């Protein structure tokens, strides 16, 4: 199970924890209320997963100071409430 698939969760703030590995948003198939993801200052690597575009209520995505590679998924820019990346 993924933290990102908890239906009632609005905010994930896990910055400054030295987490590592690839970013995984899990199988986001049910409606998510997640609005704010803050994962800066960790050691995540690899691309931003395309599944982030399924978080239709997402307003804020903060990922600085990680080892993110590749392009930002173009579908991210279609999220209607996204105001800060």
C-alpha atoms as a PDB file:
ATOM      1  CA  UNK A   1       0.000   0.000   0.000  1.00  0.00           C
ATOM      2  CA  UNK A   2       1.172   3.523  -0.708  1.00  0.00           C
ATOM      3  CA  UNK A   3       0.918   6.624   1.419  1.00  0.00           C
ATOM      4  CA  UNK A   4      -0.208   8.457  -1.709  1.00  0.00           C
ATOM      5  CA  UNK A   5      -3.327   6.293  -2.086  1.00  0.00           C
ATOM      6  CA  UNK A   6      -4.897   7.031   1.325  1.00  0.00           C
ATOM      7  CA  UNK A   7      -8.226   8.580   0.234  1.00  0.00           C
ATOM      8  CA  UNK A   8      -8.623  11.094   3.090  1.00  0.00           C
ATOM      9  CA  UNK A   9      -5.020  12.386   3.121  1.00  0.00           C
ATOM     10  CA  UNK A  10      -4.621  16.063   2.150  1.00  0.00           C
ATOM     11  CA  UNK A  11      -0.947  16.752   2.977  1.00  0.00           C
ATOM     12  CA  UNK A  12       2.336  14.846   2.897  1.00  0.00           C
ATOM     13  CA  UNK A  13       5.299  16.688   4.399  1.00  0.00           C
ATOM     14  CA  UNK A  14       8.364  14.465   4.530  1.00  0.00           C
ATOM     15  CA  UNK A  15      11.137  16.880   3.627  1.00  0.00           C
ATOM     16  CA  UNK A  16      14.581  16.873   5.255  1.00  0.00           C
ATOM     17  CA  UNK A  17      14.576  13.171   6.090  1.00  0.00           C
ATOM     18  CA  UNK A  18      17.308  11.766   3.829  1.00  0.00           C
ATOM     19  CA  UNK A  19      14.857   9.291   2.277  1.00  0.00           C
ATOM     20  CA  UNK A  20      16.242   7.645  -0.837  1.00  0.00           C
ATOM     21  CA  UNK A  21      15.111   5.525  -3.740  1.00  0.00           C
ATOM     22  CA  UNK A  22      12.821   6.327  -6.619  1.00  0.00           C
ATOM     23  CA  UNK A  23       9.659   8.357  -6.290  1.00  0.00           C
ATOM     24  CA  UNK A  24       6.611   6.105  -6.390  1.00  0.00           C
ATOM     25  CA  UNK A  25       3.098   7.466  -6.149  1.00  0.00           C
ATOM     26  CA  UNK A  26       1.536   4.016  -6.139  1.00  0.00           C
ATOM     27  CA  UNK A  27      -1.592   2.898  -7.920  1.00  0.00           C
ATOM     28  CA  UNK A  28      -3.682   6.037  -7.733  1.00  0.00           C
ATOM     29  CA  UNK A  29      -6.985   4.761  -9.039  1.00  0.00           C
ATOM     30  CA  UNK A  30      -9.451   5.971  -6.435  1.00  0.00           C
ATOM     31  CA  UNK A  31     -10.290   9.643  -5.921  1.00  0.00           C
ATOM     32  CA  UNK A  32      -7.547  11.324  -3.906  1.00  0.00           C
ATOM     33  CA  UNK A  33      -7.900  14.439  -1.765  1.00  0.00           C
ATOM     34  CA  UNK A  34      -4.143  14.955  -1.727  1.00  0.00           C
ATOM     35  CA  UNK A  35      -3.407  18.660  -2.267  1.00  0.00           C
ATOM     36  CA  UNK A  36       0.124  19.227  -0.992  1.00  0.00           C
ATOM     37  CA  UNK A  37       3.244  17.052  -1.391  1.00  0.00           C
ATOM     38  CA  UNK A  38       6.510  18.290   0.116  1.00  0.00           C
ATOM     39  CA  UNK A  39       9.447  15.922  -0.331  1.00  0.00           C
ATOM     40  CA  UNK A  40      12.365  18.335  -0.633  1.00  0.00           C
ATOM     41  CA  UNK A  41      15.857  17.777   0.760  1.00  0.00           C
ATOM     42  CA  UNK A  42      15.903  14.000   0.522  1.00  0.00           C
ATOM     43  CA  UNK A  43      17.811  11.685  -1.800  1.00  0.00           C
ATOM     44  CA  UNK A  44      15.042  10.604  -4.166  1.00  0.00           C
ATOM     45  CA  UNK A  45      16.351   9.802  -7.631  1.00  0.00           C
ATOM     46  CA  UNK A  46      14.964   9.150 -11.067  1.00  0.00           C
ATOM     47  CA  UNK A  47      12.073  10.764 -12.908  1.00  0.00           C
ATOM     48  CA  UNK A  48       8.862  12.196 -11.520  1.00  0.00           C
ATOM     49  CA  UNK A  49       6.357   9.378 -12.116  1.00  0.00           C
ATOM     50  CA  UNK A  50       3.594  10.001 -14.643  1.00  0.00           C
ATOM     51  CA  UNK A  51       1.092   8.780 -12.051  1.00  0.00           C
ATOM     52  CA  UNK A  52       1.403  12.163 -10.304  1.00  0.00           C
ATOM     53  CA  UNK A  53      -0.979  13.464 -12.983  1.00  0.00           C
ATOM     54  CA  UNK A  54      -3.755  11.359 -11.433  1.00  0.00           C
ATOM     55  CA  UNK A  55      -3.676  13.509  -8.282  1.00  0.00           C
ATOM     56  CA  UNK A  56      -6.385  15.809  -9.609  1.00  0.00           C
ATOM     57  CA  UNK A  57      -6.631  17.898  -6.420  1.00  0.00           C
ATOM     58  CA  UNK A  58      -2.885  18.548  -6.210  1.00  0.00           C
ATOM     59  CA  UNK A  59      -2.044  22.220  -5.601  1.00  0.00           C
ATOM     60  CA  UNK A  60       1.591  22.073  -4.452  1.00  0.00           C
ATOM     61  CA  UNK A  61       4.464  19.765  -5.393  1.00  0.00           C
ATOM     62  CA  UNK A  62       7.801  20.521  -3.699  1.00  0.00           C
ATOM     63  CA  UNK A  63      10.797  18.360  -4.681  1.00  0.00           C
ATOM     64  CA  UNK A  64      13.968  20.513  -4.458  1.00  0.00           C
ATOM     65  CA  UNK A  65      17.365  19.125  -3.515  1.00  0.00           C
ATOM     66  CA  UNK A  66      16.748  15.576  -4.677  1.00  0.00           C
ATOM     67  CA  UNK A  67      18.325  13.712  -7.580  1.00  0.00           C
ATOM     68  CA  UNK A  68      15.363  13.990  -9.937  1.00  0.00           C
ATOM     69  CA  UNK A  69      16.203  13.234 -13.569  1.00  0.00           C
ATOM     70  CA  UNK A  70      14.380  13.498 -16.858  1.00  0.00           C
ATOM     71  CA  UNK A  71      11.599  15.823 -17.862  1.00  0.00           C
ATOM     72  CA  UNK A  72       8.616  16.872 -15.821  1.00  0.00           C
ATOM     73  CA  UNK A  73       5.636  14.821 -17.092  1.00  0.00           C
ATOM     74  CA  UNK A  74       3.622  17.091 -19.400  1.00  0.00           C
ATOM     75  CA  UNK A  75       0.376  15.809 -17.876  1.00  0.00           C
ATOM     76  CA  UNK A  76       1.395  17.475 -14.607  1.00  0.00           C
ATOM     77  CA  UNK A  77       0.676  20.864 -16.185  1.00  0.00           C
ATOM     78  CA  UNK A  78      -2.921  19.839 -16.913  1.00  0.00           C
ATOM     79  CA  UNK A  79      -3.819  19.501 -13.222  1.00  0.00           C
ATOM     80  CA  UNK A  80      -6.518  22.142 -12.679  1.00  0.00           C
ATOM     81  CA  UNK A  81      -5.538  23.169  -9.133  1.00  0.00           C
ATOM     82  CA  UNK A  82      -1.749  23.043  -9.414  1.00  0.00           C
ATOM     83  CA  UNK A  83      -0.297  26.417  -8.411  1.00  0.00           C
ATOM     84  CA  UNK A  84       3.216  25.670  -7.118  1.00  0.00           C
ATOM     85  CA  UNK A  85       5.927  23.321  -8.347  1.00  0.00           C
END
